[in-house]
């Protein structure tokens, strides 16, 4: 009888328990001793995001895009060949792609310009209300600097915007 009891204990203690054996997984099972491939990892699953996680199997909504650092309201000091201006503008994400944004009240008179983001830089070439705006910009900390040209009806205005995030 003792031999049978010993064999039974050996059988029960050596059973495999399937589950996730990776301690970094969301569903790690400390009792599992046989990895069954069911491990789940939360993170950003969008390859276009700055914090893309190739190991993530479930998108947890944490994706960060280059444009996110630009989003917000700004106070603007603008120096142009036509004069100096002070006003506010707002930058919002575009609904078309994750590398685009919309600059509202671009020239201080209600124009919305679409810009493309690459890292800490933007570029745009957009025509609104008969005026073509083309230029580039970059952000450092809370300061966005934009250098652009506005052209309409044969006239060109060269400008530099210094935008401080509110």
N, C-alpha and C. Protein backbone atom coordinates (compact mmCIF):
# COMPACT_ATOMS: atom_id res chain seq x y z
N UNK A 1 0.81 -1.18 0.00
CA UNK A 1 0.00 0.00 0.00
C UNK A 1 0.86 1.26 0.00
N UNK A 2 1.98 1.24 0.73
CA UNK A 2 2.88 2.39 0.79
C UNK A 2 3.49 2.65 -0.57
N UNK A 3 3.78 1.61 -1.32
CA UNK A 3 4.35 1.78 -2.66
C UNK A 3 3.32 2.46 -3.57
N UNK A 4 2.07 2.04 -3.51
CA UNK A 4 1.03 2.65 -4.33
C UNK A 4 0.82 4.11 -3.97
N UNK A 5 0.81 4.44 -2.67
CA UNK A 5 0.65 5.82 -2.22
C UNK A 5 1.80 6.69 -2.71
N UNK A 6 3.02 6.17 -2.65
CA UNK A 6 4.19 6.90 -3.15
C UNK A 6 4.10 7.13 -4.64
N UNK A 7 3.66 6.13 -5.40
CA UNK A 7 3.51 6.27 -6.85
C UNK A 7 2.43 7.30 -7.17
N UNK A 8 1.32 7.28 -6.40
CA UNK A 8 0.23 8.23 -6.63
C UNK A 8 0.70 9.65 -6.35
N UNK A 9 1.49 9.86 -5.31
CA UNK A 9 1.99 11.19 -5.00
C UNK A 9 2.94 11.67 -6.09
N UNK A 10 3.79 10.77 -6.58
CA UNK A 10 4.71 11.12 -7.65
C UNK A 10 3.93 11.50 -8.90
N UNK A 11 2.87 10.79 -9.19
CA UNK A 11 2.06 11.06 -10.37
C UNK A 11 1.40 12.43 -10.26
N UNK A 12 0.80 12.73 -9.10
CA UNK A 12 0.10 14.00 -8.94
C UNK A 12 1.05 15.19 -8.89
N UNK A 13 2.23 15.03 -8.32
CA UNK A 13 3.13 16.16 -8.22
C UNK A 13 3.89 16.42 -9.51
N UNK A 14 3.91 15.49 -10.42
CA UNK A 14 4.65 15.71 -11.66
C UNK A 14 3.73 16.04 -12.83
N UNK A 15 2.45 16.30 -12.57
CA UNK A 15 1.51 16.65 -13.63
C UNK A 15 1.88 18.01 -14.22
N UNK A 16 1.67 18.11 -15.51
CA UNK A 16 1.91 19.40 -16.18
C UNK A 16 0.67 20.26 -16.01
N UNK A 17 0.91 21.55 -15.71
CA UNK A 17 -0.20 22.50 -15.66
C UNK A 17 0.05 23.53 -16.75
N UNK A 18 -0.85 23.53 -17.72
CA UNK A 18 -0.72 24.47 -18.83
C UNK A 18 -1.10 25.88 -18.39
N UNK A 19 -0.50 26.86 -19.04
CA UNK A 19 -0.80 28.26 -18.78
C UNK A 19 0.33 29.14 -19.27
N UNK A 20 0.28 30.39 -18.94
CA UNK A 20 1.31 31.35 -19.34
C UNK A 20 2.40 31.36 -18.28
N UNK A 21 3.63 31.08 -18.70
CA UNK A 21 4.74 31.00 -17.75
C UNK A 21 5.66 32.22 -17.80
N UNK A 22 5.31 33.22 -18.62
CA UNK A 22 6.14 34.42 -18.72
C UNK A 22 5.71 35.44 -17.66
N UNK A 23 6.59 35.74 -16.71
CA UNK A 23 6.23 36.65 -15.61
C UNK A 23 5.94 38.07 -16.07
N UNK A 24 6.35 38.43 -17.29
CA UNK A 24 6.07 39.78 -17.80
C UNK A 24 4.72 39.88 -18.49
N UNK A 25 4.04 38.77 -18.68
CA UNK A 25 2.74 38.75 -19.36
C UNK A 25 1.63 39.21 -18.42
N UNK A 26 0.57 39.75 -19.00
CA UNK A 26 -0.59 40.21 -18.22
C UNK A 26 -1.28 39.05 -17.51
N UNK A 27 -1.24 37.89 -18.12
CA UNK A 27 -1.96 36.73 -17.58
C UNK A 27 -1.01 35.64 -17.08
N UNK A 28 0.13 36.04 -16.53
CA UNK A 28 1.09 35.09 -15.97
C UNK A 28 0.40 34.20 -14.92
N UNK A 29 0.66 32.91 -15.00
CA UNK A 29 0.10 31.95 -14.06
C UNK A 29 1.25 31.33 -13.27
N UNK A 30 1.42 31.70 -12.01
CA UNK A 30 2.54 31.17 -11.22
C UNK A 30 2.46 29.67 -11.00
N UNK A 31 1.27 29.10 -11.18
CA UNK A 31 1.12 27.65 -11.00
C UNK A 31 1.42 26.87 -12.27
N UNK A 32 1.50 27.55 -13.40
CA UNK A 32 1.75 26.86 -14.68
C UNK A 32 3.21 26.44 -14.77
N UNK A 33 3.43 25.24 -15.28
CA UNK A 33 4.79 24.77 -15.53
C UNK A 33 4.96 24.33 -16.98
N UNK A 34 3.94 24.54 -17.79
CA UNK A 34 4.02 24.22 -19.21
C UNK A 34 3.39 25.37 -19.99
N UNK A 35 4.22 26.16 -20.67
CA UNK A 35 3.71 27.32 -21.42
C UNK A 35 2.89 26.82 -22.60
N UNK A 36 1.62 27.22 -22.61
CA UNK A 36 0.70 26.76 -23.66
C UNK A 36 0.48 27.79 -24.76
N UNK A 37 1.29 28.87 -24.77
CA UNK A 37 1.20 29.87 -25.83
C UNK A 37 0.06 30.85 -25.67
N UNK A 38 -0.53 30.95 -24.48
CA UNK A 38 -1.67 31.84 -24.28
C UNK A 38 -1.29 33.17 -23.63
N UNK A 39 -0.02 33.46 -23.50
CA UNK A 39 0.40 34.71 -22.86
C UNK A 39 -0.15 35.93 -23.59
N UNK A 40 -0.56 36.91 -22.82
CA UNK A 40 -1.14 38.14 -23.34
C UNK A 40 -0.30 39.31 -22.83
N UNK A 41 0.00 40.27 -23.75
CA UNK A 41 0.81 41.44 -23.41
C UNK A 41 0.08 42.69 -23.87
N UNK A 42 -0.15 43.62 -22.95
CA UNK A 42 -0.79 44.89 -23.29
C UNK A 42 0.26 45.89 -23.74
N UNK A 43 -0.14 46.78 -24.62
CA UNK A 43 0.76 47.82 -25.09
C UNK A 43 0.23 48.44 -26.36
N UNK A 44 1.06 49.24 -26.98
CA UNK A 44 0.70 49.91 -28.24
C UNK A 44 0.99 48.98 -29.40
N UNK A 45 -0.03 48.66 -30.19
CA UNK A 45 0.13 47.73 -31.32
C UNK A 45 0.20 48.44 -32.68
N UNK A 46 0.17 49.77 -32.68
CA UNK A 46 0.22 50.53 -33.95
C UNK A 46 1.67 50.81 -34.32
N UNK A 47 2.12 50.22 -35.43
CA UNK A 47 3.51 50.39 -35.86
C UNK A 47 3.86 51.83 -36.18
N UNK A 48 2.88 52.68 -36.41
CA UNK A 48 3.13 54.08 -36.71
C UNK A 48 3.33 54.94 -35.46
N UNK A 49 3.16 54.37 -34.29
CA UNK A 49 3.29 55.13 -33.05
C UNK A 49 4.73 55.14 -32.57
N UNK A 50 5.07 56.18 -31.81
CA UNK A 50 6.43 56.30 -31.29
C UNK A 50 6.74 55.25 -30.24
N UNK A 51 5.73 54.75 -29.55
CA UNK A 51 5.94 53.75 -28.51
C UNK A 51 5.39 52.38 -28.90
N UNK A 52 5.46 52.05 -30.19
CA UNK A 52 5.02 50.74 -30.69
C UNK A 52 5.74 49.63 -29.93
N UNK A 53 4.99 48.63 -29.51
CA UNK A 53 5.54 47.49 -28.78
C UNK A 53 5.30 46.24 -29.62
N UNK A 54 6.35 45.71 -30.22
CA UNK A 54 6.24 44.54 -31.08
C UNK A 54 5.76 43.31 -30.32
N UNK A 55 5.91 43.30 -29.01
CA UNK A 55 5.48 42.15 -28.20
C UNK A 55 4.03 42.24 -27.76
N UNK A 56 3.42 43.41 -27.92
CA UNK A 56 2.04 43.59 -27.46
C UNK A 56 1.08 42.79 -28.32
N UNK A 57 0.14 42.12 -27.66
CA UNK A 57 -0.90 41.36 -28.36
C UNK A 57 -2.27 42.02 -28.22
N UNK A 58 -2.40 42.95 -27.26
CA UNK A 58 -3.65 43.68 -27.04
C UNK A 58 -3.33 45.16 -26.97
N UNK A 59 -4.01 45.97 -27.80
CA UNK A 59 -3.79 47.41 -27.75
C UNK A 59 -4.49 47.97 -26.52
N UNK A 60 -3.72 48.65 -25.67
CA UNK A 60 -4.27 49.19 -24.43
C UNK A 60 -4.57 50.69 -24.51
N UNK A 61 -4.51 51.26 -25.71
CA UNK A 61 -4.82 52.67 -25.87
C UNK A 61 -3.70 53.61 -25.48
N UNK A 62 -2.50 53.09 -25.30
CA UNK A 62 -1.37 53.91 -24.83
C UNK A 62 -0.52 54.48 -25.96
N UNK A 63 -0.91 54.27 -27.21
CA UNK A 63 -0.09 54.72 -28.34
C UNK A 63 0.15 56.23 -28.29
N UNK A 64 1.38 56.62 -28.56
CA UNK A 64 1.76 58.03 -28.61
C UNK A 64 2.27 58.31 -30.02
N UNK A 65 1.73 59.35 -30.62
CA UNK A 65 2.10 59.71 -31.98
C UNK A 65 2.92 61.00 -31.96
N UNK A 66 3.77 61.16 -32.96
CA UNK A 66 4.62 62.35 -33.04
C UNK A 66 3.79 63.63 -32.96
N UNK A 67 2.61 63.62 -33.55
CA UNK A 67 1.79 64.83 -33.56
C UNK A 67 1.29 65.21 -32.18
N UNK A 68 1.23 64.24 -31.25
CA UNK A 68 0.67 64.51 -29.93
C UNK A 68 1.42 65.63 -29.20
N UNK A 69 2.72 65.74 -29.44
CA UNK A 69 3.50 66.78 -28.76
C UNK A 69 3.14 68.19 -29.24
N UNK A 70 2.47 68.30 -30.39
CA UNK A 70 2.07 69.59 -30.94
C UNK A 70 0.66 70.01 -30.49
N UNK A 71 -0.17 69.06 -30.11
CA UNK A 71 -1.57 69.32 -29.83
C UNK A 71 -1.72 70.32 -28.66
N UNK A 72 -2.55 71.32 -28.87
CA UNK A 72 -2.81 72.29 -27.82
C UNK A 72 -3.06 73.69 -28.35
N UNK A 73 -3.18 74.62 -27.42
CA UNK A 73 -3.40 76.04 -27.74
C UNK A 73 -2.09 76.78 -27.57
N UNK A 74 -1.86 77.77 -28.43
CA UNK A 74 -0.61 78.52 -28.43
C UNK A 74 -0.89 80.02 -28.49
N UNK A 75 -0.02 80.80 -27.84
CA UNK A 75 0.04 82.24 -28.03
C UNK A 75 1.11 82.49 -29.08
N UNK A 76 0.80 83.33 -30.06
CA UNK A 76 1.67 83.50 -31.23
C UNK A 76 2.19 84.93 -31.33
N UNK A 77 3.48 85.04 -31.56
CA UNK A 77 4.09 86.29 -32.00
C UNK A 77 4.59 86.02 -33.40
N UNK A 78 4.10 86.79 -34.36
CA UNK A 78 4.42 86.53 -35.76
C UNK A 78 5.08 87.77 -36.38
N UNK A 79 6.21 87.54 -37.01
CA UNK A 79 6.91 88.61 -37.73
C UNK A 79 6.86 88.29 -39.21
N UNK A 80 6.26 89.18 -39.97
CA UNK A 80 6.13 89.00 -41.41
C UNK A 80 6.67 90.24 -42.12
N UNK A 81 6.89 90.09 -43.41
CA UNK A 81 7.32 91.25 -44.19
C UNK A 81 6.21 92.32 -44.20
N UNK A 82 4.96 91.89 -43.96
CA UNK A 82 3.83 92.83 -43.95
C UNK A 82 3.57 93.43 -42.57
N UNK A 83 4.27 92.98 -41.53
CA UNK A 83 4.07 93.53 -40.19
C UNK A 83 4.20 92.46 -39.11
N UNK A 84 4.00 92.86 -37.88
CA UNK A 84 4.07 91.96 -36.74
C UNK A 84 2.67 91.77 -36.16
N UNK A 85 2.37 90.55 -35.72
CA UNK A 85 1.04 90.22 -35.26
C UNK A 85 1.11 89.37 -33.99
N UNK A 86 0.10 89.49 -33.16
CA UNK A 86 -0.03 88.67 -31.96
C UNK A 86 -1.45 88.11 -31.94
N UNK A 87 -1.58 86.81 -31.73
CA UNK A 87 -2.89 86.16 -31.70
C UNK A 87 -2.71 84.77 -31.10
N UNK A 88 -3.76 83.97 -31.09
CA UNK A 88 -3.72 82.59 -30.60
C UNK A 88 -4.09 81.64 -31.73
N UNK A 89 -3.56 80.44 -31.66
CA UNK A 89 -3.96 79.39 -32.58
C UNK A 89 -4.08 78.09 -31.81
N UNK A 90 -4.74 77.12 -32.41
CA UNK A 90 -4.94 75.81 -31.78
C UNK A 90 -4.55 74.72 -32.77
N UNK A 91 -3.89 73.69 -32.26
CA UNK A 91 -3.52 72.54 -33.08
C UNK A 91 -4.28 71.32 -32.56
N UNK A 92 -4.96 70.65 -33.49
CA UNK A 92 -5.72 69.46 -33.16
C UNK A 92 -5.29 68.31 -34.08
N UNK A 93 -5.52 67.06 -33.65
CA UNK A 93 -5.18 65.94 -34.51
C UNK A 93 -6.08 65.90 -35.74
N UNK A 94 -5.52 65.52 -36.86
CA UNK A 94 -6.33 65.30 -38.06
C UNK A 94 -7.06 63.97 -37.90
N UNK A 95 -8.20 63.87 -38.49
CA UNK A 95 -8.94 62.61 -38.45
C UNK A 95 -8.56 61.69 -39.60
N UNK A 96 -7.68 62.15 -40.49
CA UNK A 96 -7.34 61.34 -41.66
C UNK A 96 -6.20 60.37 -41.41
N UNK A 97 -5.09 60.84 -40.82
CA UNK A 97 -3.96 59.95 -40.56
C UNK A 97 -3.30 60.34 -39.24
N UNK A 98 -2.52 59.43 -38.69
CA UNK A 98 -1.87 59.67 -37.40
C UNK A 98 -0.66 60.59 -37.51
N UNK A 99 -0.22 60.92 -38.73
CA UNK A 99 0.93 61.82 -38.88
C UNK A 99 0.50 63.21 -39.36
N UNK A 100 -0.78 63.53 -39.17
CA UNK A 100 -1.29 64.82 -39.63
C UNK A 100 -2.01 65.55 -38.50
N UNK A 101 -2.06 66.87 -38.66
CA UNK A 101 -2.75 67.71 -37.69
C UNK A 101 -3.34 68.91 -38.41
N UNK A 102 -4.21 69.64 -37.71
CA UNK A 102 -4.83 70.84 -38.27
C UNK A 102 -4.45 72.01 -37.37
N UNK A 103 -3.92 73.06 -37.99
CA UNK A 103 -3.58 74.29 -37.28
C UNK A 103 -4.72 75.27 -37.54
N UNK A 104 -5.51 75.54 -36.50
CA UNK A 104 -6.67 76.43 -36.63
C UNK A 104 -6.28 77.86 -36.30
N UNK A 105 -6.86 78.79 -37.05
CA UNK A 105 -6.57 80.22 -36.91
C UNK A 105 -5.11 80.49 -37.26
N UNK A 106 -4.65 79.88 -38.33
CA UNK A 106 -3.23 79.90 -38.71
C UNK A 106 -2.65 81.31 -38.82
N UNK A 107 -3.30 82.18 -39.52
CA UNK A 107 -2.77 83.53 -39.69
C UNK A 107 -3.41 84.55 -38.78
N UNK A 108 -4.18 84.09 -37.81
CA UNK A 108 -4.87 85.00 -36.92
C UNK A 108 -6.19 85.47 -37.48
N UNK A 109 -6.61 84.89 -38.59
CA UNK A 109 -7.88 85.31 -39.18
C UNK A 109 -8.74 84.11 -39.59
N UNK A 110 -8.66 83.04 -38.80
CA UNK A 110 -9.61 81.93 -38.96
C UNK A 110 -9.28 80.87 -39.99
N UNK A 111 -8.12 80.89 -40.60
CA UNK A 111 -7.77 79.89 -41.61
C UNK A 111 -7.25 78.62 -40.93
N UNK A 112 -7.67 77.46 -41.44
CA UNK A 112 -7.20 76.17 -40.94
C UNK A 112 -6.25 75.56 -41.96
N UNK A 113 -5.03 75.25 -41.52
CA UNK A 113 -4.01 74.68 -42.40
C UNK A 113 -3.70 73.27 -41.94
N UNK A 114 -3.64 72.34 -42.89
CA UNK A 114 -3.28 70.96 -42.60
C UNK A 114 -1.77 70.80 -42.69
N UNK A 115 -1.18 70.14 -41.68
CA UNK A 115 0.27 69.94 -41.65
C UNK A 115 0.56 68.46 -41.42
N UNK A 116 1.73 68.03 -41.92
CA UNK A 116 2.20 66.66 -41.72
C UNK A 116 3.34 66.69 -40.72
N UNK A 117 3.35 65.71 -39.83
CA UNK A 117 4.33 65.64 -38.75
C UNK A 117 5.34 64.54 -39.01
N UNK A 118 6.60 64.84 -38.73
CA UNK A 118 7.66 63.84 -38.75
C UNK A 118 8.58 64.13 -37.57
N UNK A 119 8.46 63.34 -36.52
CA UNK A 119 9.26 63.58 -35.31
C UNK A 119 8.88 64.91 -34.68
N UNK A 120 9.85 65.81 -34.54
CA UNK A 120 9.61 67.13 -33.95
C UNK A 120 9.42 68.20 -35.01
N UNK A 121 9.17 67.78 -36.27
CA UNK A 121 9.05 68.72 -37.39
C UNK A 121 7.69 68.62 -38.06
N UNK A 122 7.26 69.73 -38.61
CA UNK A 122 6.05 69.76 -39.42
C UNK A 122 6.37 70.35 -40.78
N UNK A 123 5.53 70.04 -41.74
CA UNK A 123 5.62 70.67 -43.06
C UNK A 123 4.19 70.82 -43.58
N UNK A 124 4.00 71.82 -44.42
CA UNK A 124 2.67 72.05 -44.97
C UNK A 124 2.77 72.79 -46.29
N UNK A 125 1.81 72.53 -47.12
CA UNK A 125 1.61 73.23 -48.39
C UNK A 125 0.12 73.12 -48.64
N UNK A 126 -0.61 74.11 -48.21
CA UNK A 126 -2.06 74.03 -48.19
C UNK A 126 -2.64 75.35 -48.71
N UNK A 127 -3.71 75.25 -49.47
CA UNK A 127 -4.40 76.45 -49.96
C UNK A 127 -5.74 76.56 -49.28
N UNK A 128 -5.97 77.70 -48.65
CA UNK A 128 -7.22 77.97 -47.96
C UNK A 128 -7.66 79.39 -48.31
N UNK A 129 -8.91 79.53 -48.68
CA UNK A 129 -9.49 80.84 -49.00
C UNK A 129 -8.65 81.61 -50.02
N UNK A 130 -8.09 80.91 -51.00
CA UNK A 130 -7.32 81.54 -52.07
C UNK A 130 -5.89 81.89 -51.71
N UNK A 131 -5.44 81.55 -50.52
CA UNK A 131 -4.08 81.82 -50.09
C UNK A 131 -3.34 80.48 -49.94
N UNK A 132 -2.14 80.40 -50.51
CA UNK A 132 -1.32 79.19 -50.38
C UNK A 132 -0.31 79.41 -49.26
N UNK A 133 -0.33 78.54 -48.29
CA UNK A 133 0.60 78.55 -47.17
C UNK A 133 1.57 77.39 -47.35
N UNK A 134 2.86 77.68 -47.38
CA UNK A 134 3.83 76.59 -47.47
C UNK A 134 4.99 76.91 -46.53
N UNK A 135 5.42 75.87 -45.81
CA UNK A 135 6.51 76.10 -44.87
C UNK A 135 6.82 74.89 -44.03
N UNK A 136 7.65 75.14 -43.03
CA UNK A 136 8.08 74.09 -42.11
C UNK A 136 8.10 74.65 -40.70
N UNK A 137 8.19 73.76 -39.75
CA UNK A 137 8.28 74.18 -38.36
C UNK A 137 8.88 73.07 -37.52
N UNK A 138 9.27 73.43 -36.31
CA UNK A 138 9.75 72.42 -35.37
C UNK A 138 9.38 72.84 -33.96
N UNK A 139 9.28 71.84 -33.09
CA UNK A 139 8.92 72.09 -31.70
C UNK A 139 10.07 71.69 -30.81
N UNK A 140 10.32 72.52 -29.81
CA UNK A 140 11.33 72.24 -28.80
C UNK A 140 10.74 72.66 -27.47
N UNK A 141 10.49 71.70 -26.59
CA UNK A 141 9.81 72.01 -25.33
C UNK A 141 8.42 72.50 -25.61
N UNK A 142 8.09 73.71 -25.13
CA UNK A 142 6.75 74.25 -25.36
C UNK A 142 6.75 75.35 -26.42
N UNK A 143 7.85 75.44 -27.20
CA UNK A 143 7.94 76.47 -28.24
C UNK A 143 7.92 75.84 -29.62
N UNK A 144 6.97 76.26 -30.44
CA UNK A 144 6.85 75.84 -31.82
C UNK A 144 7.24 77.01 -32.71
N UNK A 145 8.24 76.81 -33.56
CA UNK A 145 8.68 77.85 -34.49
C UNK A 145 8.27 77.43 -35.90
N UNK A 146 7.59 78.31 -36.61
CA UNK A 146 7.11 78.03 -37.96
C UNK A 146 7.64 79.11 -38.89
N UNK A 147 8.26 78.70 -39.98
CA UNK A 147 8.72 79.63 -41.02
C UNK A 147 7.93 79.28 -42.27
N UNK A 148 7.24 80.28 -42.82
CA UNK A 148 6.37 79.97 -43.96
C UNK A 148 6.22 81.17 -44.89
N UNK A 149 5.64 80.88 -46.03
CA UNK A 149 5.31 81.87 -47.04
C UNK A 149 3.81 81.80 -47.31
N UNK A 150 3.18 82.94 -47.38
CA UNK A 150 1.76 83.03 -47.76
C UNK A 150 1.71 83.76 -49.10
N UNK A 151 1.08 83.12 -50.08
CA UNK A 151 1.03 83.70 -51.43
C UNK A 151 -0.41 83.76 -51.92
N UNK A 152 -0.77 84.92 -52.48
CA UNK A 152 -2.10 85.09 -53.07
C UNK A 152 -2.05 86.22 -54.08
N UNK A 153 -2.68 86.02 -55.21
CA UNK A 153 -2.85 87.05 -56.24
C UNK A 153 -1.54 87.77 -56.55
N UNK A 154 -0.46 86.98 -56.68
CA UNK A 154 0.83 87.55 -57.05
C UNK A 154 1.58 88.22 -55.93
N UNK A 155 1.06 88.21 -54.73
CA UNK A 155 1.74 88.80 -53.59
C UNK A 155 2.22 87.70 -52.65
N UNK A 156 3.41 87.93 -52.08
CA UNK A 156 4.00 86.95 -51.17
C UNK A 156 4.39 87.63 -49.87
N UNK A 157 4.10 86.95 -48.76
CA UNK A 157 4.46 87.44 -47.44
C UNK A 157 5.28 86.35 -46.77
N UNK A 158 6.49 86.69 -46.31
CA UNK A 158 7.35 85.73 -45.61
C UNK A 158 7.22 85.98 -44.12
N UNK A 159 7.01 84.90 -43.37
CA UNK A 159 6.71 85.05 -41.94
C UNK A 159 7.46 84.02 -41.10
N UNK A 160 7.68 84.40 -39.85
CA UNK A 160 8.18 83.49 -38.82
C UNK A 160 7.25 83.61 -37.64
N UNK A 161 6.68 82.47 -37.23
CA UNK A 161 5.80 82.43 -36.05
C UNK A 161 6.59 81.82 -34.90
N UNK A 162 6.52 82.44 -33.75
CA UNK A 162 7.00 81.85 -32.52
C UNK A 162 5.78 81.59 -31.68
N UNK A 163 5.49 80.30 -31.45
CA UNK A 163 4.25 79.90 -30.79
C UNK A 163 4.61 79.26 -29.45
N UNK A 164 4.06 79.81 -28.36
CA UNK A 164 4.31 79.31 -27.02
C UNK A 164 3.06 78.59 -26.55
N UNK A 165 3.21 77.30 -26.18
CA UNK A 165 2.06 76.51 -25.74
C UNK A 165 1.51 77.07 -24.45
N UNK A 166 0.18 77.23 -24.40
CA UNK A 166 -0.49 77.77 -23.22
C UNK A 166 -0.57 76.74 -22.11
